[in-house]
Each structure stands twice: as C-alpha cells, then as structure tokens.
PDB file of all heavy atoms in Angstrom:
ATOM      1  N   ALA A   1     121.908 109.992  95.818  1.00  0.00           N
ATOM      2  CA  ALA A   1     120.510 110.263  96.153  1.00  0.00           C
ATOM      3  C   ALA A   1     120.433 111.196  97.359  1.00  0.00           C
ATOM      4  O   ALA A   1     121.173 111.029  98.333  1.00  0.00           O
ATOM      5  CB  ALA A   1     119.779 108.960  96.456  1.00  0.00           C
ATOM      6  N   ALA A   2     119.538 112.149  97.284  1.00  0.00           N
ATOM      7  CA  ALA A   2     119.294 113.051  98.411  1.00  0.00           C
ATOM      8  C   ALA A   2     118.717 112.233  99.569  1.00  0.00           C
ATOM      9  O   ALA A   2     118.046 111.219  99.336  1.00  0.00           O
ATOM     10  CB  ALA A   2     118.321 114.143  98.003  1.00  0.00           C
ATOM     11  N   PRO A   3     118.965 112.650 100.802  1.00  0.00           N
ATOM     12  CA  PRO A   3     118.443 111.897 101.948  1.00  0.00           C
ATOM     13  C   PRO A   3     116.935 111.638 101.869  1.00  0.00           C
ATOM     14  O   PRO A   3     116.474 110.538 102.178  1.00  0.00           O
ATOM     15  CB  PRO A   3     118.790 112.784 103.150  1.00  0.00           C
ATOM     16  CG  PRO A   3     119.993 113.553 102.702  1.00  0.00           C
ATOM     17  CD  PRO A   3     119.785 113.784 101.231  1.00  0.00           C
ATOM     18  N   ARG A   4     116.176 112.611 101.423  1.00  0.00           N
ATOM     19  CA  ARG A   4     114.721 112.439 101.323  1.00  0.00           C
ATOM     20  C   ARG A   4     114.365 111.373 100.279  1.00  0.00           C
ATOM     21  O   ARG A   4     113.452 110.573 100.478  1.00  0.00           O
ATOM     22  CB  ARG A   4     114.082 113.781 100.964  1.00  0.00           C
ATOM     23  CG  ARG A   4     112.597 113.739 100.942  1.00  0.00           C
ATOM     24  CD  ARG A   4     112.029 115.114 100.717  1.00  0.00           C
ATOM     25  NE  ARG A   4     110.592 115.025 100.599  1.00  0.00           N
ATOM     26  CZ  ARG A   4     109.793 116.037 100.678  1.00  0.00           C
ATOM     27  NH1 ARG A   4     110.282 117.246 100.871  1.00  0.00           N
ATOM     28  NH2 ARG A   4     108.504 115.878 100.552  1.00  0.00           N
ATOM     29  N   THR A   5     115.076 111.350  99.164  1.00  0.00           N
ATOM     30  CA  THR A   5     114.843 110.351  98.118  1.00  0.00           C
ATOM     31  C   THR A   5     115.219 108.969  98.624  1.00  0.00           C
ATOM     32  O   THR A   5     114.495 107.993  98.406  1.00  0.00           O
ATOM     33  CB  THR A   5     115.651 110.704  96.856  1.00  0.00           C
ATOM     34  OG1 THR A   5     115.261 112.010  96.417  1.00  0.00           O
ATOM     35  CG2 THR A   5     115.437 109.695  95.743  1.00  0.00           C
ATOM     36  N   LEU A   6     116.333 108.865  99.316  1.00  0.00           N
ATOM     37  CA  LEU A   6     116.780 107.590  99.882  1.00  0.00           C
ATOM     38  C   LEU A   6     115.766 107.080 100.909  1.00  0.00           C
ATOM     39  O   LEU A   6     115.416 105.897 100.914  1.00  0.00           O
ATOM     40  CB  LEU A   6     118.162 107.775 100.510  1.00  0.00           C
ATOM     41  CG  LEU A   6     118.955 106.539 100.842  1.00  0.00           C
ATOM     42  CD1 LEU A   6     119.141 105.644  99.625  1.00  0.00           C
ATOM     43  CD2 LEU A   6     120.301 106.930 101.407  1.00  0.00           C
ATOM     44  N   GLU A   7     115.250 107.969 101.734  1.00  0.00           N
ATOM     45  CA  GLU A   7     114.263 107.589 102.749  1.00  0.00           C
ATOM     46  C   GLU A   7     112.988 107.078 102.073  1.00  0.00           C
ATOM     47  O   GLU A   7     112.400 106.086 102.498  1.00  0.00           O
ATOM     48  CB  GLU A   7     113.963 108.794 103.648  1.00  0.00           C
ATOM     49  CG  GLU A   7     113.085 108.470 104.846  1.00  0.00           C
ATOM     50  CD  GLU A   7     111.594 108.658 104.573  1.00  0.00           C
ATOM     51  OE1 GLU A   7     111.245 109.496 103.718  1.00  0.00           O
ATOM     52  OE2 GLU A   7     110.790 107.966 105.199  1.00  0.00           O
ATOM     53  N   ARG A   8     112.567 107.722 101.006  1.00  0.00           N
ATOM     54  CA  ARG A   8     111.371 107.293 100.270  1.00  0.00           C
ATOM     55  C   ARG A   8     111.581 105.900  99.677  1.00  0.00           C
ATOM     56  O   ARG A   8     110.690 105.048  99.739  1.00  0.00           O
ATOM     57  CB  ARG A   8     111.035 108.305  99.183  1.00  0.00           C
ATOM     58  CG  ARG A   8     109.757 107.998  98.433  1.00  0.00           C
ATOM     59  CD  ARG A   8     109.479 109.102  97.411  1.00  0.00           C
ATOM     60  NE  ARG A   8     108.317 108.830  96.625  1.00  0.00           N
ATOM     61  CZ  ARG A   8     107.092 109.193  96.924  1.00  0.00           C
ATOM     62  NH1 ARG A   8     106.859 109.879  98.019  1.00  0.00           N
ATOM     63  NH2 ARG A   8     106.075 108.880  96.141  1.00  0.00           N
ATOM     64  N   ALA A   9     112.753 105.657  99.109  1.00  0.00           N
ATOM     65  CA  ALA A   9     113.056 104.338  98.551  1.00  0.00           C
ATOM     66  C   ALA A   9     113.023 103.266  99.651  1.00  0.00           C
ATOM     67  O   ALA A   9     112.534 102.152  99.425  1.00  0.00           O
ATOM     68  CB  ALA A   9     114.412 104.348  97.853  1.00  0.00           C
ATOM     69  N   HIS A  10     113.492 103.603 100.839  1.00  0.00           N
ATOM     70  CA  HIS A  10     113.437 102.653 101.959  1.00  0.00           C
ATOM     71  C   HIS A  10     111.993 102.393 102.393  1.00  0.00           C
ATOM     72  O   HIS A  10     111.652 101.258 102.743  1.00  0.00           O
ATOM     73  CB  HIS A  10     114.280 103.153 103.134  1.00  0.00           C
ATOM     74  CG  HIS A  10     115.726 102.881 102.952  1.00  0.00           C
ATOM     75  ND1 HIS A  10     116.293 101.642 103.152  1.00  0.00           N
ATOM     76  CD2 HIS A  10     116.741 103.693 102.565  1.00  0.00           C
ATOM     77  CE1 HIS A  10     117.582 101.695 102.906  1.00  0.00           C
ATOM     78  NE2 HIS A  10     117.880 102.932 102.539  1.00  0.00           N
ATOM     79  N   ARG A  11     111.155 103.401 102.352  1.00  0.00           N
ATOM     80  CA  ARG A  11     109.742 103.208 102.688  1.00  0.00           C
ATOM     81  C   ARG A  11     109.069 102.295 101.663  1.00  0.00           C
ATOM     82  O   ARG A  11     108.264 101.433 102.021  1.00  0.00           O
ATOM     83  CB  ARG A  11     109.018 104.552 102.771  1.00  0.00           C
ATOM     84  CG  ARG A  11     109.420 105.357 104.006  1.00  0.00           C
ATOM     85  CD  ARG A  11     108.692 106.686 104.105  1.00  0.00           C
ATOM     86  NE  ARG A  11     107.238 106.514 104.078  1.00  0.00           N
ATOM     87  CZ  ARG A  11     106.408 107.412 103.570  1.00  0.00           C
ATOM     88  NH1 ARG A  11     106.846 108.543 103.033  1.00  0.00           N
ATOM     89  NH2 ARG A  11     105.104 107.187 103.589  1.00  0.00           N
ATOM     90  N   ILE A  12     109.409 102.471 100.390  1.00  0.00           N
ATOM     91  CA  ILE A  12     108.873 101.593  99.352  1.00  0.00           C
ATOM     92  C   ILE A  12     109.390 100.168  99.576  1.00  0.00           C
ATOM     93  O   ILE A  12     108.636  99.199  99.474  1.00  0.00           O
ATOM     94  CB  ILE A  12     109.221 102.112  97.942  1.00  0.00           C
ATOM     95  CG1 ILE A  12     108.529 103.447  97.696  1.00  0.00           C
ATOM     96  CG2 ILE A  12     108.849 101.082  96.869  1.00  0.00           C
ATOM     97  CD1 ILE A  12     108.993 104.188  96.449  1.00  0.00           C
ATOM     98  N   ALA A  13     110.665 100.038  99.916  1.00  0.00           N
ATOM     99  CA  ALA A  13     111.250  98.714 100.195  1.00  0.00           C
ATOM    100  C   ALA A  13     110.546  98.053 101.380  1.00  0.00           C
ATOM    101  O   ALA A  13     110.336  96.832 101.374  1.00  0.00           O
ATOM    102  CB  ALA A  13     112.746  98.841 100.467  1.00  0.00           C
ATOM    103  N   ASP A  14     110.160  98.843 102.390  1.00  0.00           N
ATOM    104  CA  ASP A  14     109.422  98.290 103.535  1.00  0.00           C
ATOM    105  C   ASP A  14     108.115  97.644 103.079  1.00  0.00           C
ATOM    106  O   ASP A  14     107.779  96.533 103.499  1.00  0.00           O
ATOM    107  CB  ASP A  14     109.100  99.388 104.559  1.00  0.00           C
ATOM    108  CG  ASP A  14     110.321  99.923 105.284  1.00  0.00           C
ATOM    109  OD1 ASP A  14     111.371  99.250 105.295  1.00  0.00           O
ATOM    110  OD2 ASP A  14     110.216 101.039 105.845  1.00  0.00           O
ATOM    111  N   VAL A  15     107.372  98.347 102.215  1.00  0.00           N
ATOM    112  CA  VAL A  15     106.110  97.805 101.698  1.00  0.00           C
ATOM    113  C   VAL A  15     106.391  96.545 100.892  1.00  0.00           C
ATOM    114  O   VAL A  15     105.699  95.529 101.045  1.00  0.00           O
ATOM    115  CB  VAL A  15     105.358  98.860 100.852  1.00  0.00           C
ATOM    116  CG1 VAL A  15     104.144  98.241 100.162  1.00  0.00           C
ATOM    117  CG2 VAL A  15     104.938 100.047 101.720  1.00  0.00           C
ATOM    118  N   CYS A  16     107.423  96.586 100.051  1.00  0.00           N
ATOM    119  CA  CYS A  16     107.782  95.408  99.254  1.00  0.00           C
ATOM    120  C   CYS A  16     108.067  94.210 100.149  1.00  0.00           C
ATOM    121  O   CYS A  16     107.539  93.110  99.920  1.00  0.00           O
ATOM    122  CB  CYS A  16     109.011  95.706  98.394  1.00  0.00           C
ATOM    123  SG  CYS A  16     108.698  96.787  96.996  1.00  0.00           S
ATOM    124  N   GLU A  17     108.900  94.414 101.166  1.00  0.00           N
ATOM    125  CA  GLU A  17     109.275  93.312 102.063  1.00  0.00           C
ATOM    126  C   GLU A  17     108.068  92.709 102.759  1.00  0.00           C
ATOM    127  O   GLU A  17     107.997  91.495 102.949  1.00  0.00           O
ATOM    128  CB  GLU A  17     110.299  93.798 103.090  1.00  0.00           C
ATOM    129  CG  GLU A  17     111.660  94.026 102.481  1.00  0.00           C
ATOM    130  CD  GLU A  17     112.658  94.640 103.456  1.00  0.00           C
ATOM    131  OE1 GLU A  17     112.329  94.810 104.650  1.00  0.00           O
ATOM    132  OE2 GLU A  17     113.770  94.960 103.011  1.00  0.00           O
ATOM    133  N   THR A  18     107.100  93.542 103.114  1.00  0.00           N
ATOM    134  CA  THR A  18     105.881  93.049 103.756  1.00  0.00           C
ATOM    135  C   THR A  18     105.170  92.032 102.869  1.00  0.00           C
ATOM    136  O   THR A  18     104.535  91.103 103.361  1.00  0.00           O
ATOM    137  CB  THR A  18     104.927  94.233 104.062  1.00  0.00           C
ATOM    138  OG1 THR A  18     105.583  95.120 104.955  1.00  0.00           O
ATOM    139  CG2 THR A  18     103.629  93.765 104.669  1.00  0.00           C
ATOM    140  N   HIS A  19     105.298  92.196 101.562  1.00  0.00           N
ATOM    141  CA  HIS A  19     104.609  91.324 100.610  1.00  0.00           C
ATOM    142  C   HIS A  19     105.538  90.319  99.929  1.00  0.00           C
ATOM    143  O   HIS A  19     105.129  89.651  98.970  1.00  0.00           O
ATOM    144  CB  HIS A  19     103.902  92.183  99.556  1.00  0.00           C
ATOM    145  CG  HIS A  19     102.812  93.017 100.139  1.00  0.00           C
ATOM    146  ND1 HIS A  19     101.577  92.513 100.456  1.00  0.00           N
ATOM    147  CD2 HIS A  19     102.789  94.331 100.497  1.00  0.00           C
ATOM    148  CE1 HIS A  19     100.828  93.474 100.979  1.00  0.00           C
ATOM    149  NE2 HIS A  19     101.543  94.587 101.005  1.00  0.00           N
ATOM    150  N   GLY A  20     106.783  90.242 100.380  1.00  0.00           N
ATOM    151  CA  GLY A  20     107.711  89.251  99.827  1.00  0.00           C
ATOM    152  C   GLY A  20     108.228  89.567  98.436  1.00  0.00           C
ATOM    153  O   GLY A  20     108.568  88.652  97.692  1.00  0.00           O
ATOM    154  N   VAL A  21     108.273  90.848  98.080  1.00  0.00           N
ATOM    155  CA  VAL A  21     108.846  91.252  96.797  1.00  0.00           C
ATOM    156  C   VAL A  21     109.986  92.239  97.055  1.00  0.00           C
ATOM    157  O   VAL A  21     110.184  92.690  98.173  1.00  0.00           O
ATOM    158  CB  VAL A  21     107.786  91.864  95.842  1.00  0.00           C
ATOM    159  CG1 VAL A  21     106.701  90.854  95.524  1.00  0.00           C
ATOM    160  CG2 VAL A  21     107.185  93.119  96.408  1.00  0.00           C
ATOM    161  N   THR A  22     110.727  92.560  96.004  1.00  0.00           N
ATOM    162  CA  THR A  22     111.869  93.462  96.149  1.00  0.00           C
ATOM    163  C   THR A  22     111.681  94.722  95.313  1.00  0.00           C
ATOM    164  O   THR A  22     110.852  94.755  94.401  1.00  0.00           O
ATOM    165  CB  THR A  22     113.172  92.770  95.697  1.00  0.00           C
ATOM    166  OG1 THR A  22     113.094  92.522  94.292  1.00  0.00           O
ATOM    167  CG2 THR A  22     113.436  91.480  96.473  1.00  0.00           C
ATOM    168  N   LEU A  23     112.472  95.731  95.614  1.00  0.00           N
ATOM    169  CA  LEU A  23     112.445  96.962  94.820  1.00  0.00           C
ATOM    170  C   LEU A  23     112.708  96.698  93.344  1.00  0.00           C
ATOM    171  O   LEU A  23     111.977  97.231  92.501  1.00  0.00           O
ATOM    172  CB  LEU A  23     113.480  97.961  95.347  1.00  0.00           C
ATOM    173  CG  LEU A  23     113.052  98.876  96.473  1.00  0.00           C
ATOM    174  CD1 LEU A  23     114.236  99.741  96.917  1.00  0.00           C
ATOM    175  CD2 LEU A  23     111.899  99.755  96.079  1.00  0.00           C
ATOM    176  N   PRO A  24     113.725  95.902  92.972  1.00  0.00           N
ATOM    177  CA  PRO A  24     113.937  95.654  91.542  1.00  0.00           C
ATOM    178  C   PRO A  24     112.731  94.977  90.880  1.00  0.00           C
ATOM    179  O   PRO A  24     112.374  95.314  89.745  1.00  0.00           O
ATOM    180  CB  PRO A  24     115.172  94.754  91.491  1.00  0.00           C
ATOM    181  CG  PRO A  24     115.891  95.024  92.763  1.00  0.00           C
ATOM    182  CD  PRO A  24     114.821  95.325  93.773  1.00  0.00           C
ATOM    183  N   GLU A  25     112.101  94.041  91.575  1.00  0.00           N
ATOM    184  CA  GLU A  25     110.916  93.394  91.012  1.00  0.00           C
ATOM    185  C   GLU A  25     109.804  94.420  90.788  1.00  0.00           C
ATOM    186  O   GLU A  25     109.150  94.427  89.743  1.00  0.00           O
ATOM    187  CB  GLU A  25     110.433  92.283  91.947  1.00  0.00           C
ATOM    188  CG  GLU A  25     111.377  91.116  92.021  1.00  0.00           C
ATOM    189  CD  GLU A  25     111.081  90.145  93.141  1.00  0.00           C
ATOM    190  OE1 GLU A  25     110.282  90.465  94.055  1.00  0.00           O
ATOM    191  OE2 GLU A  25     111.665  89.038  93.115  1.00  0.00           O
ATOM    192  N   LEU A  26     109.611  95.283  91.754  1.00  0.00           N
ATOM    193  CA  LEU A  26     108.590  96.319  91.652  1.00  0.00           C
ATOM    194  C   LEU A  26     108.925  97.309  90.530  1.00  0.00           C
ATOM    195  O   LEU A  26     108.055  97.685  89.742  1.00  0.00           O
ATOM    196  CB  LEU A  26     108.465  97.055  92.984  1.00  0.00           C
ATOM    197  CG  LEU A  26     107.285  97.994  93.118  1.00  0.00           C
ATOM    198  CD1 LEU A  26     106.004  97.197  93.350  1.00  0.00           C
ATOM    199  CD2 LEU A  26     107.512  98.965  94.250  1.00  0.00           C
ATOM    200  N   ALA A  27     110.203  97.700  90.464  1.00  0.00           N
ATOM    201  CA  ALA A  27     110.629  98.663  89.437  1.00  0.00           C
ATOM    202  C   ALA A  27     110.423  98.102  88.031  1.00  0.00           C
ATOM    203  O   ALA A  27     110.090  98.847  87.111  1.00  0.00           O
ATOM    204  CB  ALA A  27     112.093  99.044  89.648  1.00  0.00           C
ATOM    205  N   MET A  28     110.601  96.798  87.870  1.00  0.00           N
ATOM    206  CA  MET A  28     110.376  96.182  86.560  1.00  0.00           C
ATOM    207  C   MET A  28     108.892  96.076  86.242  1.00  0.00           C
ATOM    208  O   MET A  28     108.475  96.273  85.099  1.00  0.00           O
ATOM    209  CB  MET A  28     111.015  94.799  86.507  1.00  0.00           C
ATOM    210  CG  MET A  28     112.510  94.845  86.441  1.00  0.00           C
ATOM    211  SD  MET A  28     113.138  93.158  86.299  1.00  0.00           S
ATOM    212  CE  MET A  28     114.873  93.486  86.126  1.00  0.00           C
ATOM    213  N   ALA A  29     108.082  95.783  87.233  1.00  0.00           N
ATOM    214  CA  ALA A  29     106.650  95.577  87.008  1.00  0.00           C
ATOM    215  C   ALA A  29     105.898  96.889  86.816  1.00  0.00           C
ATOM    216  O   ALA A  29     104.931  96.941  86.050  1.00  0.00           O
ATOM    217  CB  ALA A  29     106.046  94.804  88.181  1.00  0.00           C
ATOM    218  N   PHE A  30     106.310  97.942  87.501  1.00  0.00           N
ATOM    219  CA  PHE A  30     105.547  99.187  87.504  1.00  0.00           C
ATOM    220  C   PHE A  30     105.297  99.770  86.113  1.00  0.00           C
ATOM    221  O   PHE A  30     104.142 100.029  85.763  1.00  0.00           O
ATOM    222  CB  PHE A  30     106.202 100.217  88.418  1.00  0.00           C
ATOM    223  CG  PHE A  30     105.469 101.521  88.453  1.00  0.00           C
ATOM    224  CD1 PHE A  30     104.249 101.625  89.093  1.00  0.00           C
ATOM    225  CD2 PHE A  30     105.978 102.639  87.817  1.00  0.00           C
ATOM    226  CE1 PHE A  30     103.548 102.820  89.113  1.00  0.00           C
ATOM    227  CE2 PHE A  30     105.299 103.847  87.833  1.00  0.00           C
ATOM    228  CZ  PHE A  30     104.071 103.937  88.476  1.00  0.00           C
ATOM    229  N   PRO A  31     106.317  99.998  85.290  1.00  0.00           N
ATOM    230  CA  PRO A  31     106.022 100.617  83.989  1.00  0.00           C
ATOM    231  C   PRO A  31     105.166  99.733  83.089  1.00  0.00           C
ATOM    232  O   PRO A  31     104.407 100.238  82.256  1.00  0.00           O
ATOM    233  CB  PRO A  31     107.396 100.872  83.373  1.00  0.00           C
ATOM    234  CG  PRO A  31     108.338 100.015  84.126  1.00  0.00           C
ATOM    235  CD  PRO A  31     107.740  99.780  85.474  1.00  0.00           C
ATOM    236  N   LEU A  32     105.259  98.428  83.270  1.00  0.00           N
ATOM    237  CA  LEU A  32     104.495  97.507  82.420  1.00  0.00           C
ATOM    238  C   LEU A  32     102.999  97.539  82.725  1.00  0.00           C
ATOM    239  O   LEU A  32     102.204  96.986  81.967  1.00  0.00           O
ATOM    240  CB  LEU A  32     105.048  96.089  82.565  1.00  0.00           C
ATOM    241  CG  LEU A  32     106.469  95.916  82.024  1.00  0.00           C
ATOM    242  CD1 LEU A  32     107.035  94.563  82.429  1.00  0.00           C
ATOM    243  CD2 LEU A  32     106.510  96.104  80.516  1.00  0.00           C
ATOM    244  N   ARG A  33     102.614  98.223  83.774  1.00  0.00           N
ATOM    245  CA  ARG A  33     101.195  98.361  84.118  1.00  0.00           C
ATOM    246  C   ARG A  33     100.502  99.393  83.228  1.00  0.00           C
ATOM    247  O   ARG A  33      99.284  99.413  83.146  1.00  0.00           O
ATOM    248  CB  ARG A  33     101.051  98.727  85.592  1.00  0.00           C
ATOM    249  CG  ARG A  33     101.652  97.652  86.506  1.00  0.00           C
ATOM    250  CD  ARG A  33     101.514  98.007  87.963  1.00  0.00           C
ATOM    251  NE  ARG A  33     100.139  97.951  88.401  1.00  0.00           N
ATOM    252  CZ  ARG A  33      99.439  96.842  88.632  1.00  0.00           C
ATOM    253  NH1 ARG A  33      99.987  95.667  88.445  1.00  0.00           N
ATOM    254  NH2 ARG A  33      98.178  96.897  89.032  1.00  0.00           N
ATOM    255  N   HIS A  34     101.280 100.234  82.579  1.00  0.00           N
ATOM    256  CA  HIS A  34     100.687 101.250  81.706  1.00  0.00           C
ATOM    257  C   HIS A  34     100.435 100.630  80.335  1.00  0.00           C
ATOM    258  O   HIS A  34     101.306  99.956  79.776  1.00  0.00           O
ATOM    259  CB  HIS A  34     101.610 102.459  81.581  1.00  0.00           C
ATOM    260  CG  HIS A  34     100.933 103.631  80.961  1.00  0.00           C
ATOM    261  ND1 HIS A  34     100.677 103.705  79.610  1.00  0.00           N
ATOM    262  CD2 HIS A  34     100.421 104.749  81.516  1.00  0.00           C
ATOM    263  CE1 HIS A  34     100.051 104.824  79.356  1.00  0.00           C
ATOM    264  NE2 HIS A  34      99.880 105.490  80.494  1.00  0.00           N
TER     265      HIS A  34
END
C-alpha cells in the first residue's frame, strides 16, 4: 500500500475504534448497504 493509502486506512480505523468496531467489520458491512 502507498503511504497515502495506508494513512487513509488508519484514519478509517480511528473512526471505527471510536465506535467499537473494526476495519474488517466495516469492510464486510459496507458493500451490503447497496
């Protein structure tokens, strides 16, 4: 992953952690919203 992509993933992980969820949980839920 490019540094910018890695940094973005960490920012998303920060939001997830604030709400008690994880990146994998979010990644699984996101496409199912469509």
